[in-house]
Amino acid sequence: MAKRSTPLDREQRLCLALHLSMDDMQARLNSLAQQGRSADCLALMQELGDWMALGRGEVAPLLSACVDGL
């Protein structure tokens, strides 16, 4: 990877972007189901529903979330 010529500004340093693909989500659901963690499966499915609602029914291939305050 090429070295950055300019350092990240404060806002860039404080924001961590998380990208999860639909395949990642499906693998996680399968893993939780195999472990018998039905409550966690339901919680993740709720998150997926919120994700779909955000895009008005069109699921993006990646989920992006910004975590501030790091």
C-alpha atoms as a PDB file:
ATOM      1  CA  MET A   1       0.000   0.000   0.000  1.00  0.00           C
ATOM      2  CA  ALA A   2       1.292   3.444  -0.892  1.00  0.00           C
ATOM      3  CA  LYS A   3       2.191   5.765   1.948  1.00  0.00           C
ATOM      4  CA  ARG A   4      -0.106   8.778   2.375  1.00  0.00           C
ATOM      5  CA  SER A   5       1.509  12.083   1.498  1.00  0.00           C
ATOM      6  CA  THR A   6      -0.689  13.968   3.975  1.00  0.00           C
ATOM      7  CA  PRO A   7      -1.768  12.820   7.429  1.00  0.00           C
ATOM      8  CA  LEU A   8      -5.423  12.150   8.187  1.00  0.00           C
ATOM      9  CA  ASP A   9      -7.307  15.094   9.638  1.00  0.00           C
ATOM     10  CA  ARG A  10      -8.955  14.865  13.056  1.00  0.00           C
ATOM     11  CA  GLU A  11     -12.392  13.931  11.703  1.00  0.00           C
ATOM     12  CA  GLN A  12     -10.941  11.151   9.567  1.00  0.00           C
ATOM     13  CA  ARG A  13      -9.083   9.769  12.583  1.00  0.00           C
ATOM     14  CA  LEU A  14     -12.255   9.810  14.702  1.00  0.00           C
ATOM     15  CA  CYS A  15     -14.424   8.005  12.159  1.00  0.00           C
ATOM     16  CA  LEU A  16     -14.066   4.273  11.635  1.00  0.00           C
ATOM     17  CA  ALA A  17     -15.957   2.891   8.654  1.00  0.00           C
ATOM     18  CA  LEU A  18     -17.255  -0.659   8.892  1.00  0.00           C
ATOM     19  CA  HIS A  19     -18.187  -2.502   5.715  1.00  0.00           C
ATOM     20  CA  LEU A  20     -20.083  -5.782   5.856  1.00  0.00           C
ATOM     21  CA  SER A  21     -21.253  -7.655   2.801  1.00  0.00           C
ATOM     22  CA  MET A  22     -24.483  -9.615   2.525  1.00  0.00           C
ATOM     23  CA  ASP A  23     -22.332 -12.764   2.427  1.00  0.00           C
ATOM     24  CA  ASP A  24     -20.772 -11.735   5.760  1.00  0.00           C
ATOM     25  CA  MET A  25     -24.238 -11.311   7.254  1.00  0.00           C
ATOM     26  CA  GLN A  26     -25.436 -14.682   5.923  1.00  0.00           C
ATOM     27  CA  ALA A  27     -22.341 -16.428   7.282  1.00  0.00           C
ATOM     28  CA  ARG A  28     -22.904 -14.796  10.682  1.00  0.00           C
ATOM     29  CA  LEU A  29     -26.578 -15.822  10.723  1.00  0.00           C
ATOM     30  CA  ASN A  30     -25.588 -19.412   9.900  1.00  0.00           C
ATOM     31  CA  SER A  31     -22.952 -19.417  12.638  1.00  0.00           C
ATOM     32  CA  LEU A  32     -25.381 -18.058  15.241  1.00  0.00           C
ATOM     33  CA  ALA A  33     -28.010 -20.619  14.229  1.00  0.00           C
ATOM     34  CA  GLN A  34     -25.529 -23.490  14.532  1.00  0.00           C
ATOM     35  CA  GLN A  35     -24.607 -22.253  18.016  1.00  0.00           C
ATOM     36  CA  GLY A  36     -28.260 -22.161  19.036  1.00  0.00           C
ATOM     37  CA  ARG A  37     -28.217 -18.395  19.588  1.00  0.00           C
ATOM     38  CA  SER A  38     -31.730 -17.655  18.345  1.00  0.00           C
ATOM     39  CA  ALA A  39     -32.021 -14.306  20.161  1.00  0.00           C
ATOM     40  CA  ASP A  40     -28.856 -13.081  18.444  1.00  0.00           C
ATOM     41  CA  CYS A  41     -30.180 -14.343  15.084  1.00  0.00           C
ATOM     42  CA  LEU A  42     -33.370 -12.354  15.605  1.00  0.00           C
ATOM     43  CA  ALA A  43     -31.419  -9.235  16.579  1.00  0.00           C
ATOM     44  CA  LEU A  44     -29.246  -9.500  13.472  1.00  0.00           C
ATOM     45  CA  MET A  45     -32.280 -10.065  11.270  1.00  0.00           C
ATOM     46  CA  GLN A  46     -33.818  -6.901  12.790  1.00  0.00           C
ATOM     47  CA  GLU A  47     -30.657  -4.996  11.881  1.00  0.00           C
ATOM     48  CA  LEU A  48     -30.897  -6.369   8.351  1.00  0.00           C
ATOM     49  CA  GLY A  49     -34.527  -5.244   8.184  1.00  0.00           C
ATOM     50  CA  ASP A  50     -33.524  -1.754   9.286  1.00  0.00           C
ATOM     51  CA  TRP A  51     -30.766  -1.791   6.657  1.00  0.00           C
ATOM     52  CA  MET A  52     -33.242  -2.774   3.943  1.00  0.00           C
ATOM     53  CA  ALA A  53     -35.754  -0.142   5.099  1.00  0.00           C
ATOM     54  CA  LEU A  54     -33.071   2.523   4.924  1.00  0.00           C
ATOM     55  CA  GLY A  55     -32.633   1.728   1.220  1.00  0.00           C
ATOM     56  CA  ARG A  56     -36.414   1.491   0.716  1.00  0.00           C
ATOM     57  CA  GLY A  57     -36.278  -2.228  -0.038  1.00  0.00           C
ATOM     58  CA  GLU A  58     -33.166  -2.244  -2.183  1.00  0.00           C
ATOM     59  CA  VAL A  59     -30.392  -4.019  -0.326  1.00  0.00           C
ATOM     60  CA  ALA A  60     -26.965  -2.621  -1.019  1.00  0.00           C
ATOM     61  CA  PRO A  61     -24.153  -5.159  -1.380  1.00  0.00           C
ATOM     62  CA  LEU A  62     -22.325  -3.445   1.488  1.00  0.00           C
ATOM     63  CA  LEU A  63     -23.493  -2.105   4.819  1.00  0.00           C
ATOM     64  CA  SER A  64     -21.570   0.976   5.897  1.00  0.00           C
ATOM     65  CA  ALA A  65     -21.588   2.323   9.407  1.00  0.00           C
ATOM     66  CA  CYS A  66     -19.570   5.163  10.823  1.00  0.00           C
ATOM     67  CA  VAL A  67     -18.476   4.886  14.448  1.00  0.00           C
ATOM     68  CA  ASP A  68     -17.615   8.276  15.919  1.00  0.00           C
ATOM     69  CA  GLY A  69     -15.694   9.151  19.038  1.00  0.00           C
ATOM     70  CA  LEU A  70     -12.715   6.829  18.795  1.00  0.00           C
END
